[in-house]
Amino acid sequence: MTRLKVGLLVDGPDVPKYVYDLIEWARGAREIHITHLVIHERPACSRSSRRRLRDIIRKGLASHAQAGLWRLKERLESRRLARIEAFQGYDRSYDCRPLVPAEIRLNPQISASGFVYRFSDEDVARLRQESFDLLLRCGTGILRGAILSCARLGILSFHHGDNRVNRGGPAGFWEIYHRQERTGFVLQRLTEELDGGDVIMRGYIPTQDTHLLNSVTLYAKSFYRLRGLLLRIAQTGELPEPEAHYPYTGRLLSTPVCHQVLAYLCRQIARSATARVRRALRYRERWDVYFTDAGWRSAVMWRGTRLIHPAGHFLADPFVVSRDGRTCVFAEEFVFGTGKGHITAFEISDGIARELGTALQESFHLSFPYPFEFDGGLFMVPESREAGQIRIYECVKFPLVWRLKRVVMRNVVAADTMIFPKSGLWWMLTNISQTEPHDCSSELYLFSATTPLTDEWKPHPRNPVVDDPLSARNGGLLVDEREVVRVAQSPRIGSYGAAARLFRISRLTPEEYVEELVSNITPDFASGIHGSHHFHSNGHYSVWDSKRWERICHADLSKPRPAPPDRAEVSLRSDQ
C-alpha cells in the first residue's frame, strides 16, 4: 500500500496543540506519512527604536488602546478556557521535531505589507525534489507563486470562517460580534485568490458565547475533520471534487478596531452580569410539554394543553404512543435537585392527561424516549449518552414496565437517536460527537440494518449526512402515508433549543440522503416562552415542548418528588 506523503508548512518547529495532535495521530495511521517540516521563518524585525517610535505616533493612541482592550479580552476569556479539561494546553506551543523525521528551511520573500510570501525558484525546486503528494499549510503568510503547485495535489489550507459569509479574521470573532448562530470553516486547495481557493471540505460548529472558546472549538473540530479527509485522499489518491465557485459580495474582515472591541466587551460583561443575577435569584430554564388531539399537519399549537409537573422538575422531549386502546405520552422528566432525568408516562383520555409514573429510570441520565414498533412489540431508544451507549428497551407491560433488550452501539457519545423502517431497511438517525468537549448538535449520522435489534449497523457513506448546527440535531420524527419528516433543533447563541425546523426526507437509499426544509416551529404559541425544540405525532395526537425562565425555590430543589395522583387531572390549558 502506498502511503500519502505529506509535508507541513509551518512558521517554526514549535506548533499549536491542534497541529501537534494531528502529527501524533498520523504517526499511528498506516495510510499517512508526515515526512517533513517545511519551515518558512519570518525574518526578525530590525527596526530602530526611533522607527518604532514613529510607528507608535503614526498609528495613534486608538490603535494602542485597541491592542490593550484585546489583551484584556484574551486574559478574561482564557480564565474560562482554563477550566475546560478538553482544552488544556491550547495556549502553549509544542516542539514537533521529535515526531517528524526531517525538515526543510525556506527563505520567503515577504511583501511590504508583511502578509504575502513568495519563494525563490531554488526553494520551490527543493520541494519538488521531495515528491510530496500533499502540503498542509499550518502557519501564517499568504502563499503566492510557484510553491502552490510544487506538490502533486497542491497545498491545503484552512480558512476558519464560512468563506461564503466571512473572509478574513480573527477566526471566530465576527460570528459572535454579528450574532451569527453558527461558525464555519473550509479546507481549500490554495490558489492565487485570497480565501478563494478550491473548497474540498466545509463544516460548522454552534457559535460559542466567547471569542476564545469559539476559536479554539473551531480549530479542534476542523483539525479532527481533516483526519478523515486525509484517510479518504490516501485511499483514492485524489482530492474530493471541489465546490463550484460563486461571487463573494462581502468585505474582507480584519482585526476589530477599538470601538468594536469595546462594544464586544460591554456585551460580554452585560451577558455575564445577567447570568449572575439569574443564578442569584434562582431562575432556571424550565421546559413544559403540550399535547393536542390532532395530527401533526393540522395541529394548532396555541390550542395545546400543557402537562402539569411538580416544582423543581421539568418535562421535555415528548413522544406519543397509542397501544392496547390507550394513548400515552412519554417524556423526559428532569430533576433539578439531582441534575438527572428519567422517563415519565402520562395517559391522555377525553382531553385530559393523567400522570402514571416513572416508565424508565437508570443510574445515568435518560431523555428523548423515542418509541418504535417491530414484530408486534413496542421498543424505546432513550438517549443514554452518559452511559456511552445507544440502548433499545422493550415494553413488557404497557406503559410502565420496560427491560433492556439490546445495546446497539458502545463507546459512543450519541444523542437523540431515532430508528424507523423504510424501503425494506431499518434506518438509524443519531447525533454523534467525535471531538471534546462533546457537542452532539452539529453532525447527524445515518446507519442502516435489516433489523433494528442488532449491533451491526452499517454507516452511510455520506456520513455525517448533515453537518450544520442549525439543523443537525434530532427533535422528533413525523411519519404518515405521504412522507417522512425529520424534526431538527435550531439553536441561538447561548440558547439551546431555541426553535425547530421540519425537513422532509426526499431521498433515502444506501448511497444517498437528501432532505428539504418544509416548515419552521418558533416559540410564539404561548406567552413568556423563548424556545421550542421538539415535535412528535402518532397521527391522532401531537406533542411538543417549550421553555421559559422560572424561579425555582431552594425547597423545591431538595424535597422528594410527590407520588402521582390516582385520578387527578394533571393538565392545564396553555397561557393563551
Protein backbone atom coordinates (compact mmCIF):
# COMPACT_ATOMS: atom_id res chain seq x y z
CA MET A 1 0.00 0.00 0.00
CA THR A 2 1.34 3.44 -0.99
CA ARG A 3 1.30 5.93 1.86
CA LEU A 4 0.25 9.54 1.36
CA LYS A 5 3.42 11.63 1.67
CA VAL A 6 2.67 14.89 3.46
CA GLY A 7 4.74 17.92 4.38
CA LEU A 8 3.71 20.55 6.93
CA LEU A 9 4.28 24.23 6.10
CA VAL A 10 4.94 25.86 9.48
CA ASP A 11 6.46 29.04 10.89
CA GLY A 12 8.84 27.07 13.09
CA PRO A 13 9.29 23.75 14.90
CA ASP A 14 7.05 24.86 17.80
CA VAL A 15 3.44 24.36 16.73
CA PRO A 16 -0.01 24.78 18.34
CA LYS A 17 -1.61 21.81 20.06
CA TYR A 18 -4.06 21.02 17.27
CA VAL A 19 -1.18 20.67 14.79
CA TYR A 20 0.82 18.59 17.27
CA ASP A 21 -2.19 16.30 17.83
CA LEU A 22 -2.54 15.86 14.04
CA ILE A 23 1.11 14.78 13.79
CA GLU A 24 0.71 12.31 16.66
CA TRP A 25 -2.40 10.85 15.03
CA ALA A 26 -0.65 10.50 11.65
CA ARG A 27 2.18 8.51 13.26
CA GLY A 28 -0.38 5.84 14.11
CA ALA A 29 -2.13 5.90 10.74
CA ARG A 30 -0.67 3.45 8.22
CA GLU A 31 -2.03 5.43 5.26
CA ILE A 32 -0.45 8.81 6.18
CA HIS A 33 3.24 9.70 6.41
CA ILE A 34 4.18 13.23 7.51
CA THR A 35 7.81 13.24 6.45
CA HIS A 36 8.96 16.88 6.64
CA LEU A 37 8.50 20.13 8.44
CA VAL A 38 8.74 22.83 5.77
CA ILE A 39 9.75 25.85 7.83
CA HIS A 40 9.46 29.35 6.42
CA GLU A 41 10.67 31.57 9.22
CA ARG A 42 9.71 35.21 9.27
CA PRO A 43 12.84 37.41 9.38
CA ALA A 44 13.47 39.11 12.69
CA CYS A 45 12.45 42.75 12.88
CA SER A 46 15.45 45.09 12.71
CA ARG A 47 13.69 48.39 13.14
CA SER A 48 15.47 51.00 15.21
CA SER A 49 13.94 52.44 18.37
CA ARG A 50 13.41 55.76 16.53
CA ARG A 51 11.43 53.99 13.79
CA ARG A 52 9.34 52.13 16.37
CA LEU A 53 8.53 55.49 17.99
CA ARG A 54 7.47 56.87 14.60
CA ASP A 55 5.18 53.84 14.14
CA ILE A 56 3.53 54.50 17.50
CA ILE A 57 2.90 58.14 16.61
CA ARG A 58 1.64 57.21 13.13
CA LYS A 59 -0.77 54.58 14.34
CA GLY A 60 -2.10 56.80 17.08
CA LEU A 61 -3.43 56.18 20.53
CA ALA A 62 -6.59 54.47 19.25
CA SER A 63 -4.57 51.62 17.81
CA HIS A 64 -2.76 51.06 21.08
CA ALA A 65 -5.99 51.31 23.04
CA GLN A 66 -7.39 48.62 20.75
CA ALA A 67 -4.38 46.40 21.47
CA GLY A 68 -4.82 46.92 25.20
CA LEU A 69 -8.53 46.06 25.08
CA TRP A 70 -7.78 42.99 23.02
CA ARG A 71 -5.23 41.78 25.57
CA LEU A 72 -7.79 42.37 28.33
CA LYS A 73 -10.34 40.30 26.42
CA GLU A 74 -7.82 37.49 25.99
CA ARG A 75 -6.96 37.43 29.70
CA LEU A 76 -10.61 37.38 30.78
CA GLU A 77 -11.63 34.65 28.35
CA SER A 78 -8.56 32.49 28.96
CA ARG A 79 -9.63 32.06 32.59
CA ARG A 80 -12.81 30.32 31.49
CA LEU A 81 -10.98 28.25 28.90
CA ALA A 82 -8.54 27.03 31.55
CA ARG A 83 -11.45 25.40 33.39
CA ILE A 84 -12.38 23.21 30.40
CA GLU A 85 -10.43 19.97 30.61
CA ALA A 86 -10.62 19.21 26.89
CA PHE A 87 -8.81 22.47 26.06
CA GLN A 88 -5.90 22.14 28.44
CA GLY A 89 -2.68 23.05 26.64
CA TYR A 90 -4.27 25.01 23.81
CA ASP A 91 -2.43 28.14 24.94
CA ARG A 92 1.00 26.53 24.57
CA SER A 93 3.30 25.52 21.72
CA TYR A 94 4.88 22.09 21.27
CA ASP A 95 8.17 21.11 19.67
CA CYS A 96 7.22 18.63 16.95
CA ARG A 97 10.74 17.83 15.72
CA PRO A 98 10.89 14.53 17.67
CA LEU A 99 7.80 13.38 15.76
CA VAL A 100 8.78 14.39 12.19
CA PRO A 101 11.85 12.80 10.57
CA ALA A 102 13.20 15.73 8.53
CA GLU A 103 12.87 19.45 7.90
CA ILE A 104 13.36 21.87 5.03
CA ARG A 105 14.03 25.53 5.72
CA LEU A 106 12.89 28.11 3.19
CA ASN A 107 13.61 31.82 2.90
CA PRO A 108 10.39 33.59 1.99
CA GLN A 109 10.35 36.83 0.06
CA ILE A 110 7.87 38.85 2.11
CA SER A 111 5.85 41.73 0.68
CA ALA A 112 5.98 45.24 2.11
CA SER A 113 2.68 44.60 3.88
CA GLY A 114 4.22 41.62 5.67
CA PHE A 115 1.41 39.28 4.58
CA VAL A 116 2.30 37.81 1.16
CA TYR A 117 5.04 35.14 0.94
CA ARG A 118 6.77 34.21 -2.31
CA PHE A 119 9.63 31.74 -2.73
CA SER A 120 12.66 31.53 -4.94
CA ASP A 121 12.97 29.04 -7.78
CA GLU A 122 15.63 27.27 -5.74
CA ASP A 123 13.30 26.77 -2.76
CA VAL A 124 10.49 25.56 -4.99
CA ALA A 125 12.86 23.11 -6.70
CA ARG A 126 13.88 21.69 -3.30
CA LEU A 127 10.24 20.97 -2.53
CA ARG A 128 9.60 19.39 -5.92
CA GLN A 129 12.54 17.03 -5.39
CA GLU A 130 10.80 15.50 -2.36
CA SER A 131 7.78 14.48 -4.49
CA PHE A 132 5.21 15.35 -1.87
CA ASP A 133 1.68 14.16 -2.50
CA LEU A 134 0.34 16.99 -0.41
CA LEU A 135 1.45 20.01 1.59
CA LEU A 136 -0.59 21.26 4.56
CA ARG A 137 -0.31 24.94 5.43
CA CYS A 138 -0.25 25.18 9.22
CA GLY A 139 1.47 28.53 9.56
CA THR A 140 1.00 32.17 8.63
CA GLY A 141 1.53 34.06 5.42
CA ILE A 142 -0.45 34.31 2.18
CA LEU A 143 1.34 31.93 -0.20
CA ARG A 144 1.71 33.01 -3.80
CA GLY A 145 3.60 31.83 -6.86
CA ALA A 146 5.06 28.51 -7.98
CA ILE A 147 5.01 26.98 -4.49
CA LEU A 148 1.24 26.46 -4.91
CA SER A 149 1.88 23.68 -7.46
CA CYS A 150 5.04 22.04 -6.07
CA ALA A 151 3.16 19.05 -4.56
CA ARG A 152 1.18 16.56 -6.66
CA LEU A 153 -2.17 17.53 -5.10
CA GLY A 154 -1.21 21.08 -4.18
CA ILE A 155 -1.34 22.88 -0.83
CA LEU A 156 -4.33 22.51 1.50
CA SER A 157 -5.11 25.26 3.98
CA PHE A 158 -7.90 26.02 6.42
CA HIS A 159 -9.90 29.20 6.40
CA HIS A 160 -11.53 29.34 9.81
CA GLY A 161 -14.73 31.02 8.76
CA ASP A 162 -17.55 30.35 6.32
CA ASN A 163 -15.97 31.82 3.19
CA ARG A 164 -19.43 32.44 1.71
CA VAL A 165 -20.16 34.78 4.65
CA ASN A 166 -16.94 35.86 6.36
CA ARG A 167 -13.50 36.19 4.83
CA GLY A 168 -10.62 37.45 6.87
CA GLY A 169 -10.21 37.27 10.63
CA PRO A 170 -9.74 36.92 13.50
CA ALA A 171 -11.05 33.37 13.43
CA GLY A 172 -14.31 33.01 15.35
CA PHE A 173 -14.69 36.67 16.36
CA TRP A 174 -17.00 38.22 13.80
CA GLU A 175 -19.57 35.43 14.08
CA ILE A 176 -20.12 36.39 17.74
CA TYR A 177 -19.95 40.10 17.01
CA HIS A 178 -22.63 39.83 14.32
CA ARG A 179 -24.71 37.30 16.33
CA GLN A 180 -24.42 34.51 13.74
CA GLU A 181 -25.74 31.22 15.14
CA ARG A 182 -23.05 29.08 13.52
CA THR A 183 -19.34 29.45 12.82
CA GLY A 184 -17.93 27.74 9.76
CA PHE A 185 -14.61 26.57 8.39
CA VAL A 186 -13.44 25.44 4.97
CA LEU A 187 -10.44 23.45 3.79
CA GLN A 188 -9.30 24.66 0.40
CA ARG A 189 -6.63 23.91 -2.15
CA LEU A 190 -4.80 27.19 -2.35
CA THR A 191 -4.91 29.32 -5.46
CA GLU A 192 -3.77 32.88 -6.12
CA GLU A 193 -7.14 34.21 -4.84
CA LEU A 194 -7.11 35.06 -1.11
CA ASP A 195 -9.69 32.88 0.73
CA GLY A 196 -10.99 31.92 -2.70
CA GLY A 197 -9.31 28.57 -3.29
CA ASP A 198 -10.96 25.29 -4.31
CA VAL A 199 -13.07 24.25 -1.31
CA ILE A 200 -12.96 20.49 -0.73
CA MET A 201 -14.36 20.34 2.81
CA ARG A 202 -16.78 22.51 4.76
CA GLY A 203 -18.01 22.27 8.35
CA TYR A 204 -19.60 24.19 11.20
CA ILE A 205 -19.86 24.48 14.96
CA PRO A 206 -22.54 26.20 17.04
CA THR A 207 -21.22 29.68 17.76
CA GLN A 208 -19.95 29.74 21.33
CA ASP A 209 -20.54 32.67 23.66
CA THR A 210 -16.94 33.96 23.87
CA HIS A 211 -14.40 34.54 21.12
CA LEU A 212 -11.59 32.46 22.59
CA LEU A 213 -13.87 29.48 23.24
CA ASN A 214 -15.35 29.82 19.75
CA SER A 215 -11.98 29.90 18.02
CA VAL A 216 -10.48 27.00 19.98
CA THR A 217 -13.58 24.88 19.41
CA LEU A 218 -13.39 25.74 15.71
CA TYR A 219 -9.74 24.65 15.45
CA ALA A 220 -10.39 21.41 17.36
CA LYS A 221 -13.34 20.45 15.16
CA SER A 222 -11.70 21.37 11.86
CA PHE A 223 -8.46 19.52 12.52
CA TYR A 224 -10.39 16.44 13.62
CA ARG A 225 -12.36 16.50 10.36
CA LEU A 226 -9.06 16.82 8.50
CA ARG A 227 -8.05 13.36 9.70
CA GLY A 228 -10.95 11.68 7.96
CA LEU A 229 -10.31 13.62 4.78
CA LEU A 230 -6.63 12.63 4.71
CA LEU A 231 -7.61 8.97 5.01
CA ARG A 232 -10.04 9.38 2.13
CA ILE A 233 -7.37 11.06 -0.02
CA ALA A 234 -4.91 8.27 0.83
CA GLN A 235 -7.45 5.64 -0.27
CA THR A 236 -8.42 7.31 -3.55
CA GLY A 237 -5.16 9.06 -4.40
CA GLU A 238 -7.11 12.18 -5.35
CA LEU A 239 -8.72 15.22 -3.76
CA PRO A 240 -12.51 15.29 -3.48
CA GLU A 241 -14.36 17.21 -6.16
CA PRO A 242 -14.22 20.91 -5.19
CA GLU A 243 -17.29 23.07 -4.70
CA ALA A 244 -18.41 25.35 -7.50
CA HIS A 245 -17.22 28.95 -7.25
CA TYR A 246 -19.70 31.82 -6.82
CA PRO A 247 -19.23 35.59 -6.39
CA TYR A 248 -18.39 36.83 -2.89
CA THR A 249 -20.13 40.10 -2.08
CA GLY A 250 -18.81 40.76 1.40
CA ARG A 251 -15.84 42.78 2.57
CA LEU A 252 -12.56 41.34 3.77
CA LEU A 253 -12.69 41.35 7.56
CA SER A 254 -9.71 42.36 9.64
CA THR A 255 -8.72 42.87 13.26
CA PRO A 256 -11.53 44.79 15.03
CA VAL A 257 -10.84 48.41 15.82
CA CYS A 258 -11.06 49.98 19.26
CA HIS A 259 -14.80 50.74 19.38
CA GLN A 260 -15.65 47.25 18.11
CA VAL A 261 -13.55 45.54 20.79
CA LEU A 262 -15.10 47.82 23.40
CA ALA A 263 -18.62 47.03 22.15
CA TYR A 264 -17.83 43.31 22.29
CA LEU A 265 -16.50 43.58 25.85
CA CYS A 266 -19.54 45.57 27.02
CA ARG A 267 -21.89 42.99 25.51
CA GLN A 268 -20.00 40.15 27.19
CA ILE A 269 -19.99 41.92 30.55
CA ALA A 270 -23.74 42.53 30.27
CA ARG A 271 -24.36 38.89 29.36
CA SER A 272 -22.26 37.67 32.27
CA ALA A 273 -24.00 40.04 34.68
CA THR A 274 -27.43 38.84 33.52
CA ALA A 275 -26.42 35.23 34.06
CA ARG A 276 -25.11 36.01 37.56
CA VAL A 277 -28.32 37.78 38.53
CA ARG A 278 -30.43 34.88 37.30
CA ARG A 279 -28.33 32.40 39.27
CA ALA A 280 -28.54 34.56 42.39
CA LEU A 281 -32.34 34.76 42.06
CA ARG A 282 -32.52 31.01 41.29
CA TYR A 283 -34.02 31.42 37.85
CA ARG A 284 -33.71 28.32 35.68
CA GLU A 285 -34.84 27.43 32.20
CA ARG A 286 -37.83 25.18 32.69
CA TRP A 287 -39.31 23.03 29.91
CA ASP A 288 -43.01 22.22 29.53
CA VAL A 289 -44.84 19.65 27.41
CA TYR A 290 -48.06 20.25 25.46
CA PHE A 291 -50.47 17.98 23.59
CA THR A 292 -53.43 18.34 21.24
CA ASP A 293 -55.88 15.81 19.76
CA ALA A 294 -54.90 16.45 16.15
CA GLY A 295 -52.41 15.06 13.68
CA TRP A 296 -49.25 17.00 13.04
CA ARG A 297 -50.42 18.52 9.77
CA SER A 298 -53.47 20.11 11.43
CA ALA A 299 -52.02 20.87 14.87
CA VAL A 300 -52.68 24.41 16.14
CA MET A 301 -50.05 24.84 18.80
CA TRP A 302 -51.58 27.73 20.72
CA ARG A 303 -54.58 25.47 21.48
CA GLY A 304 -52.33 22.91 23.14
CA THR A 305 -52.87 21.57 26.66
CA ARG A 306 -49.88 21.84 28.99
CA LEU A 307 -48.94 18.98 31.30
CA ILE A 308 -48.52 19.84 34.96
CA HIS A 309 -45.40 18.69 36.78
CA PRO A 310 -44.06 19.42 40.27
CA ALA A 311 -41.82 22.33 41.17
CA GLY A 312 -38.13 21.56 40.87
CA HIS A 313 -38.77 19.35 37.81
CA PHE A 314 -39.31 19.89 34.12
CA LEU A 315 -40.72 17.87 31.20
CA ALA A 316 -39.25 17.81 27.68
CA ASP A 317 -38.76 15.63 24.58
CA PRO A 318 -42.31 14.19 24.45
CA PHE A 319 -43.41 11.24 22.27
CA VAL A 320 -46.96 9.94 21.97
CA VAL A 321 -47.95 6.27 21.54
CA SER A 322 -51.36 4.60 21.14
CA ARG A 323 -51.47 0.94 22.14
CA ASP A 324 -53.95 -1.50 23.66
CA GLY A 325 -56.69 1.11 23.48
CA ARG A 326 -54.67 3.65 25.47
CA THR A 327 -52.77 6.78 24.39
CA CYS A 328 -49.72 7.69 26.44
CA VAL A 329 -47.11 10.45 26.35
CA PHE A 330 -43.54 9.53 27.28
CA ALA A 331 -41.26 12.44 28.20
CA GLU A 332 -38.01 13.24 29.91
CA GLU A 333 -38.58 14.35 33.47
CA PHE A 334 -35.54 16.26 34.69
CA VAL A 335 -34.99 16.77 38.41
CA PHE A 336 -33.09 19.96 39.25
CA GLY A 337 -32.02 18.61 42.65
CA THR A 338 -30.19 15.60 41.17
CA GLY A 339 -29.27 17.00 37.76
CA LYS A 340 -30.53 13.81 36.15
CA GLY A 341 -33.51 12.83 34.02
CA HIS A 342 -35.71 9.76 33.71
CA ILE A 343 -38.69 8.81 31.54
CA THR A 344 -42.19 9.56 32.85
CA ALA A 345 -45.52 8.45 31.34
CA PHE A 346 -48.86 10.29 31.11
CA GLU A 347 -52.12 8.87 29.79
CA ILE A 348 -54.43 11.02 27.65
CA SER A 349 -58.14 10.39 27.90
CA ASP A 350 -61.03 12.71 26.98
CA GLY A 351 -58.67 15.64 26.51
CA ILE A 352 -57.13 15.20 29.97
CA ALA A 353 -53.63 13.95 30.82
CA ARG A 354 -53.12 11.82 33.92
CA GLU A 355 -49.65 11.11 35.22
CA LEU A 356 -48.94 7.39 35.51
CA GLY A 357 -45.45 7.44 36.99
CA THR A 358 -41.90 6.52 36.02
CA ALA A 359 -41.60 4.35 32.93
CA LEU A 360 -37.81 4.04 32.81
CA GLN A 361 -35.03 5.05 35.17
CA GLU A 362 -31.30 4.25 35.26
CA SER A 363 -28.32 5.33 37.32
CA PHE A 364 -27.41 7.66 34.44
CA HIS A 365 -29.36 10.44 32.73
CA LEU A 366 -32.13 9.45 30.30
CA SER A 367 -34.04 11.68 27.87
CA PHE A 368 -35.56 11.67 24.35
CA PRO A 369 -37.63 8.44 24.74
CA TYR A 370 -38.07 7.67 21.03
CA PRO A 371 -40.56 4.77 20.50
CA PHE A 372 -40.94 2.38 17.56
CA GLU A 373 -42.77 -0.86 16.80
CA PHE A 374 -41.21 -4.06 15.46
CA ASP A 375 -42.72 -7.55 15.03
CA GLY A 376 -45.74 -6.55 17.09
CA GLY A 377 -43.67 -5.30 20.01
CA LEU A 378 -43.05 -1.78 21.29
CA PHE A 379 -39.50 -0.56 21.81
CA MET A 380 -37.86 2.63 23.03
CA VAL A 381 -34.46 4.24 22.30
CA PRO A 382 -33.90 6.81 25.05
CA GLU A 383 -30.82 8.98 24.98
CA SER A 384 -28.22 7.26 27.17
CA ARG A 385 -25.24 9.41 26.30
CA GLU A 386 -23.84 9.32 29.85
CA ALA A 387 -23.52 5.53 29.54
CA GLY A 388 -21.61 5.86 26.26
CA GLN A 389 -24.15 3.61 24.54
CA ILE A 390 -27.18 3.51 22.27
CA ARG A 391 -29.72 1.24 24.00
CA ILE A 392 -33.02 -0.31 22.95
CA TYR A 393 -35.60 -1.16 25.63
CA GLU A 394 -38.59 -3.47 25.12
CA CYS A 395 -42.01 -2.79 26.60
CA VAL A 396 -43.02 -5.76 28.77
CA LYS A 397 -46.27 -4.27 30.04
CA PHE A 398 -47.61 -1.07 28.52
CA PRO A 399 -46.87 1.64 29.53
CA LEU A 400 -44.71 1.38 32.69
CA VAL A 401 -42.74 -1.89 32.51
CA TRP A 402 -39.64 -1.92 30.26
CA ARG A 403 -36.48 -4.02 30.07
CA LEU A 404 -33.18 -3.59 28.28
CA LYS A 405 -33.32 -5.54 25.02
CA ARG A 406 -30.12 -4.65 23.15
CA VAL A 407 -27.11 -2.34 23.28
CA VAL A 408 -26.71 -1.47 19.60
CA MET A 409 -23.63 0.78 19.92
CA ARG A 410 -20.95 1.04 22.59
CA ASN A 411 -18.22 3.56 23.35
CA VAL A 412 -20.09 6.28 21.50
CA VAL A 413 -21.21 9.79 22.51
CA ALA A 414 -24.62 9.87 20.85
CA ALA A 415 -27.82 11.82 21.45
CA ASP A 416 -31.43 11.81 20.25
CA THR A 417 -31.43 8.55 18.30
CA MET A 418 -34.37 7.66 16.03
CA ILE A 419 -34.96 4.26 14.37
CA PHE A 420 -37.55 3.66 11.64
CA PRO A 421 -38.26 1.37 8.64
CA LYS A 422 -38.35 2.50 5.02
CA SER A 423 -37.86 0.80 1.65
CA GLY A 424 -37.11 -2.63 3.10
CA LEU A 425 -34.42 -1.47 5.54
CA TRP A 426 -34.23 -0.12 9.07
CA TRP A 427 -32.58 3.26 9.46
CA MET A 428 -30.95 4.93 12.43
CA LEU A 429 -30.50 8.71 12.61
CA THR A 430 -28.38 9.80 15.54
CA ASN A 431 -26.28 12.77 16.63
CA ILE A 432 -22.72 11.67 17.38
CA SER A 433 -19.94 13.81 18.80
CA GLN A 434 -16.38 12.97 17.75
CA THR A 435 -14.48 15.79 19.49
CA GLU A 436 -14.17 17.15 23.00
CA PRO A 437 -15.74 18.98 24.67
CA HIS A 438 -18.57 16.91 23.27
CA ASP A 439 -21.11 18.61 21.03
CA CYS A 440 -23.96 16.46 19.77
CA SER A 441 -25.67 19.30 17.93
CA SER A 442 -23.52 19.72 14.82
CA GLU A 443 -23.48 16.40 12.97
CA LEU A 444 -26.19 13.91 12.01
CA TYR A 445 -25.13 10.33 11.26
CA LEU A 446 -27.12 7.70 9.36
CA PHE A 447 -26.89 3.91 9.66
CA SER A 448 -28.85 1.03 8.12
CA ALA A 449 -29.62 -2.58 9.04
CA THR A 450 -32.00 -5.37 8.10
CA THR A 451 -33.39 -5.49 11.65
CA PRO A 452 -33.40 -2.85 14.41
CA LEU A 453 -32.40 -5.31 17.15
CA THR A 454 -28.80 -5.66 16.04
CA ASP A 455 -25.42 -4.21 16.91
CA GLU A 456 -24.26 -4.42 13.27
CA TRP A 457 -25.44 -1.10 11.85
CA LYS A 458 -23.81 -0.10 8.57
CA PRO A 459 -22.64 3.54 8.42
CA HIS A 460 -23.84 5.60 5.46
CA PRO A 461 -21.05 6.55 3.02
CA ARG A 462 -22.06 10.23 3.21
CA ASN A 463 -21.73 10.49 7.00
CA PRO A 464 -22.24 12.93 8.51
CA VAL A 465 -25.31 13.34 6.29
CA VAL A 466 -25.98 16.73 7.91
CA ASP A 467 -23.10 18.90 9.11
CA ASP A 468 -24.80 22.04 10.37
CA PRO A 469 -25.61 23.02 13.99
CA LEU A 470 -28.72 24.85 12.76
CA SER A 471 -30.35 21.61 11.60
CA ALA A 472 -28.35 18.51 12.57
CA ARG A 473 -29.80 17.65 15.98
CA ASN A 474 -32.91 15.49 16.02
CA GLY A 475 -36.10 16.76 17.62
CA GLY A 476 -38.66 14.11 16.60
CA LEU A 477 -39.94 12.19 13.59
CA LEU A 478 -43.24 12.60 11.73
CA VAL A 479 -44.35 9.72 9.54
CA ASP A 480 -47.52 9.22 7.51
CA GLU A 481 -48.52 7.58 4.23
CA ARG A 482 -47.15 10.55 2.26
CA GLU A 483 -43.70 11.21 3.68
CA VAL A 484 -41.16 11.04 6.46
CA VAL A 485 -40.33 14.37 8.11
CA ARG A 486 -37.41 14.86 10.47
CA VAL A 487 -37.77 17.49 13.17
CA ALA A 488 -34.46 19.32 13.75
CA GLN A 489 -33.48 21.55 16.64
CA SER A 490 -32.27 25.07 15.87
CA PRO A 491 -30.19 26.99 18.46
CA ARG A 492 -29.29 30.61 19.07
CA ILE A 493 -26.01 31.83 20.53
CA GLY A 494 -26.03 30.80 24.18
CA SER A 495 -29.54 29.30 23.88
CA TYR A 496 -30.06 25.58 23.31
CA GLY A 497 -33.37 24.56 21.74
CA ALA A 498 -34.48 28.00 20.57
CA ALA A 499 -36.66 26.71 17.71
CA ALA A 500 -37.22 23.73 15.42
CA ARG A 501 -37.33 23.03 11.71
CA LEU A 502 -39.16 20.37 9.73
CA PHE A 503 -37.26 18.58 6.95
CA ARG A 504 -38.90 16.18 4.51
CA ILE A 505 -36.61 13.24 3.76
CA SER A 506 -36.92 13.16 -0.01
CA ARG A 507 -34.18 10.66 -0.82
CA LEU A 508 -33.09 7.77 1.43
CA THR A 509 -31.00 4.96 -0.04
CA PRO A 510 -27.80 3.14 0.97
CA GLU A 511 -25.94 5.68 -1.19
CA GLU A 512 -27.96 8.91 -0.82
CA TYR A 513 -29.59 11.06 1.83
CA VAL A 514 -31.47 14.23 0.84
CA GLU A 515 -33.81 16.32 2.99
CA GLU A 516 -35.70 19.53 2.24
CA LEU A 517 -36.92 22.23 4.62
CA VAL A 518 -40.74 22.38 4.66
CA SER A 519 -41.66 24.33 7.81
CA ASN A 520 -40.47 26.04 11.00
CA ILE A 521 -41.60 25.87 14.62
CA THR A 522 -40.99 29.09 16.54
CA PRO A 523 -41.79 29.85 20.21
CA ASP A 524 -44.80 32.06 19.51
CA PHE A 525 -47.65 29.87 20.71
CA ALA A 526 -47.61 30.77 24.43
CA SER A 527 -46.69 33.84 26.44
CA GLY A 528 -43.33 34.02 28.20
CA ILE A 529 -41.63 31.22 26.29
CA HIS A 530 -38.36 31.57 24.39
CA GLY A 531 -37.72 28.12 22.96
CA SER A 532 -39.35 25.03 21.42
CA HIS A 533 -37.17 22.21 20.10
CA HIS A 534 -39.28 19.06 19.79
CA PHE A 535 -42.41 17.84 17.97
CA HIS A 536 -43.95 14.39 17.54
CA SER A 537 -47.24 12.87 16.45
CA ASN A 538 -48.82 9.43 16.11
CA GLY A 539 -51.34 10.74 13.58
CA HIS A 540 -54.13 11.28 16.13
CA TYR A 541 -52.35 13.26 18.84
CA SER A 542 -49.42 15.67 18.60
CA VAL A 543 -46.98 16.67 21.35
CA TRP A 544 -44.27 19.33 21.65
CA ASP A 545 -42.36 21.30 24.25
CA SER A 546 -41.34 24.85 25.15
CA LYS A 547 -39.10 26.57 27.66
CA ARG A 548 -39.33 29.67 29.84
CA TRP A 549 -37.43 31.28 32.67
CA GLU A 550 -38.87 30.34 36.04
CA ARG A 551 -37.75 30.91 39.60
CA ILE A 552 -37.02 27.65 41.40
CA CYS A 553 -37.09 27.85 45.19
CA HIS A 554 -34.41 26.08 47.20
CA ALA A 555 -37.08 23.96 48.91
CA ASP A 556 -38.30 22.73 45.51
CA LEU A 557 -34.80 21.50 44.66
CA SER A 558 -34.45 19.36 47.76
CA LYS A 559 -37.89 17.99 48.59
CA PRO A 560 -38.81 14.49 47.35
CA ARG A 561 -41.00 14.08 44.31
CA PRO A 562 -44.68 13.62 45.20
CA ALA A 563 -46.34 10.39 44.07
CA PRO A 564 -48.62 10.83 41.05
CA PRO A 565 -52.28 11.25 41.98
CA ASP A 566 -54.56 8.32 41.22
CA ARG A 567 -57.21 10.08 39.15
CA ALA A 568 -56.49 13.77 39.49
CA GLU A 569 -56.48 15.87 36.37
CA VAL A 570 -52.88 16.98 35.98
CA SER A 571 -53.06 19.03 32.81
CA LEU A 572 -53.60 22.69 32.23
CA ARG A 573 -54.56 24.85 29.28
CA SER A 574 -51.75 26.96 27.85
CA ASP A 575 -51.41 30.59 28.81
CA GLN A 576 -53.04 31.64 25.58
